[in-house]
Amino acid sequence: MLSHMDKSEKASRSGSKDASKKRILPDPRKRRLVVFVATFLGVLLIGAVLYPHFSIAAAEPLRDFMAVTAHICAGILDTVSDDVSVDGRFLSYRGFSVEIIEECTGLFEMLIFLAALLSYPASWKAKGIGLISGASRVISFQHRPYRVPDRGWRLPAHSV
């Protein structure tokens, strides 16, 4: 009678390890999803741990980057008004002054983008192309102005 059982019944009755492995993640798509999510969260965790150390170690270049961000924002606002002035990281527009801080530079968004990019199952060449094109888009998205009805042009809320 035992000889008439098929292989799956034998595996399930014997408690073999192969049968238990198949039950955890039987579908390759689910396995890829789990790998993607685990890699994404792992890169974000590493970035969250290392970013404060990077911020301290690279304080001077970050201040320069914030000044560049202030000049980019001033250049955008300068297209619609002549009342824009920049002093280092400080941007003034019609008497209203703001300081461009680290959160205005797009570095946090770049960390999230990098985690997603590294987690995605693609070749390293495709990831390199994605990094170049995506990084420029993330940074440019940080500096786009928008128009508020009856109030004129504004920079993104995080910088004004």
Protein backbone atom coordinates (compact mmCIF):
# COMPACT_ATOMS: atom_id res chain seq x y z
CA MET A 1 0.00 0.00 0.00
CA LEU A 2 2.91 2.32 0.70
CA SER A 3 4.21 1.75 -2.81
CA HIS A 4 1.06 3.27 -4.33
CA MET A 5 1.53 6.65 -2.62
CA ASP A 6 2.78 9.47 -4.76
CA LYS A 7 5.92 11.42 -3.91
CA SER A 8 4.14 14.37 -2.30
CA GLU A 9 2.30 12.12 0.14
CA LYS A 10 5.55 10.39 1.08
CA ALA A 11 7.28 13.73 1.62
CA SER A 12 4.46 15.09 3.75
CA ARG A 13 4.24 11.92 5.87
CA SER A 14 7.98 11.62 6.37
CA GLY A 15 8.25 15.26 7.43
CA SER A 16 11.08 15.92 5.02
CA LYS A 17 12.74 19.31 4.90
CA ASP A 18 12.02 19.71 1.19
CA ALA A 19 8.27 19.77 1.77
CA SER A 20 8.55 22.39 4.50
CA LYS A 21 10.74 24.63 2.32
CA LYS A 22 8.18 24.57 -0.47
CA ARG A 23 5.43 25.73 1.87
CA ILE A 24 7.24 28.87 3.08
CA LEU A 25 7.71 30.68 -0.25
CA PRO A 26 6.48 28.42 -3.05
CA ASP A 27 6.06 31.16 -5.63
CA PRO A 28 9.25 32.72 -7.08
CA ARG A 29 7.44 36.07 -7.35
CA LYS A 30 6.80 36.09 -3.61
CA ARG A 31 10.44 35.21 -3.00
CA ARG A 32 11.58 38.14 -5.18
CA LEU A 33 9.20 40.47 -3.33
CA VAL A 34 10.54 39.37 0.05
CA VAL A 35 14.14 39.87 -1.17
CA PHE A 36 13.25 43.33 -2.55
CA VAL A 37 11.57 44.47 0.69
CA ALA A 38 14.34 43.05 2.89
CA THR A 39 17.06 44.70 0.77
CA PHE A 40 15.16 48.01 0.65
CA LEU A 41 14.67 48.11 4.42
CA GLY A 42 18.25 46.97 5.01
CA VAL A 43 19.72 49.76 2.86
CA LEU A 44 17.43 52.30 4.57
CA LEU A 45 18.54 51.05 7.98
CA ILE A 46 22.22 51.27 7.02
CA GLY A 47 21.63 54.76 5.62
CA ALA A 48 19.81 55.86 8.76
CA VAL A 49 22.68 54.65 10.94
CA LEU A 50 25.46 56.09 8.76
CA TYR A 51 23.87 59.41 7.73
CA PRO A 52 24.46 61.26 11.03
CA HIS A 53 28.13 60.27 10.91
CA PHE A 54 28.36 61.42 7.29
CA SER A 55 26.65 64.69 8.19
CA ILE A 56 29.24 65.43 10.88
CA ALA A 57 32.23 64.29 8.83
CA ALA A 58 31.17 66.23 5.73
CA ALA A 59 29.85 69.36 7.46
CA GLU A 60 31.74 71.83 5.25
CA PRO A 61 30.75 70.26 1.90
CA LEU A 62 27.14 70.05 3.14
CA ARG A 63 27.17 73.77 3.96
CA ASP A 64 28.49 74.44 0.45
CA PHE A 65 25.76 72.23 -1.00
CA MET A 66 23.14 74.17 0.98
CA ALA A 67 24.57 77.42 -0.41
CA VAL A 68 24.35 75.98 -3.94
CA THR A 69 20.74 75.01 -3.21
CA ALA A 70 20.03 78.59 -2.08
CA HIS A 71 21.52 79.94 -5.32
CA ILE A 72 19.48 77.50 -7.43
CA CYS A 73 16.27 78.55 -5.64
CA ALA A 74 17.23 82.22 -6.10
CA GLY A 75 17.81 81.63 -9.79
CA ILE A 76 14.37 80.10 -10.14
CA LEU A 77 12.69 82.93 -8.24
CA ASP A 78 14.75 85.49 -10.15
CA THR A 79 12.89 84.52 -13.34
CA VAL A 80 9.67 85.95 -11.90
CA SER A 81 10.95 88.74 -9.66
CA ASP A 82 13.95 91.02 -9.16
CA ASP A 83 13.51 91.09 -5.37
CA VAL A 84 15.60 87.94 -4.72
CA SER A 85 18.91 88.00 -2.87
CA VAL A 86 21.22 85.29 -1.53
CA ASP A 87 23.73 85.45 1.29
CA GLY A 88 25.36 82.05 1.78
CA ARG A 89 22.59 79.69 2.84
CA PHE A 90 20.08 82.52 3.35
CA LEU A 91 17.57 83.38 0.67
CA SER A 92 15.54 86.58 0.78
CA TYR A 93 12.50 87.26 -1.34
CA ARG A 94 10.48 90.47 -0.95
CA GLY A 95 11.67 90.97 2.62
CA PHE A 96 11.03 87.37 3.68
CA SER A 97 14.22 85.47 4.54
CA VAL A 98 14.74 81.75 4.97
CA GLU A 99 17.73 79.58 5.73
CA ILE A 100 18.27 76.62 3.45
CA ILE A 101 18.87 73.70 5.80
CA GLU A 102 20.09 70.18 5.17
CA GLU A 103 16.56 68.85 4.63
CA CYS A 104 16.15 71.23 1.68
CA THR A 105 18.96 69.67 -0.34
CA GLY A 106 17.27 66.42 -1.33
CA LEU A 107 19.82 64.13 0.35
CA PHE A 108 17.20 62.27 2.39
CA GLU A 109 15.13 61.68 -0.73
CA MET A 110 18.27 60.47 -2.49
CA LEU A 111 18.78 57.89 0.27
CA ILE A 112 15.27 56.51 -0.27
CA PHE A 113 15.79 56.52 -4.04
CA LEU A 114 19.14 54.74 -3.67
CA ALA A 115 17.59 52.06 -1.43
CA ALA A 116 14.87 51.38 -4.00
CA LEU A 117 17.37 51.40 -6.86
CA LEU A 118 19.74 48.94 -5.17
CA SER A 119 16.85 46.66 -4.19
CA TYR A 120 15.37 46.42 -7.67
CA PRO A 121 16.40 43.27 -9.57
CA ALA A 122 18.30 44.76 -12.51
CA SER A 123 21.81 44.65 -13.90
CA TRP A 124 24.47 46.93 -12.43
CA LYS A 125 24.64 48.79 -15.75
CA ALA A 126 20.90 49.52 -15.61
CA LYS A 127 21.23 50.58 -11.95
CA GLY A 128 24.05 52.97 -12.91
CA ILE A 129 21.94 54.55 -15.64
CA GLY A 130 19.01 54.78 -13.22
CA LEU A 131 21.20 56.41 -10.59
CA ILE A 132 22.41 59.11 -12.97
CA SER A 133 19.01 59.93 -14.44
CA GLY A 134 17.07 59.51 -11.20
CA ALA A 135 19.45 61.50 -8.99
CA SER A 136 19.25 64.52 -11.27
CA ARG A 137 15.45 64.30 -11.27
CA VAL A 138 15.21 64.00 -7.48
CA ILE A 139 17.45 67.03 -6.99
CA SER A 140 15.65 69.10 -9.65
CA PHE A 141 12.28 68.17 -8.16
CA GLN A 142 13.43 69.66 -4.86
CA HIS A 143 13.84 73.07 -6.47
CA ARG A 144 10.78 73.44 -8.67
CA PRO A 145 8.62 76.46 -7.93
CA TYR A 146 4.84 76.32 -8.01
CA ARG A 147 2.18 78.97 -8.38
CA VAL A 148 -0.34 79.69 -5.63
CA PRO A 149 -3.44 81.54 -6.84
CA ASP A 150 -3.50 85.17 -5.64
CA ARG A 151 -0.10 84.76 -3.92
CA GLY A 152 2.37 84.36 -6.78
CA TRP A 153 5.26 81.97 -7.17
CA ARG A 154 6.47 79.90 -4.21
CA LEU A 155 9.29 77.48 -3.60
CA PRO A 156 8.54 74.05 -2.11
CA ALA A 157 7.14 74.22 1.41
CA HIS A 158 10.28 72.81 3.02
CA SER A 159 12.38 75.79 1.96
CA VAL A 160 9.99 78.68 2.53
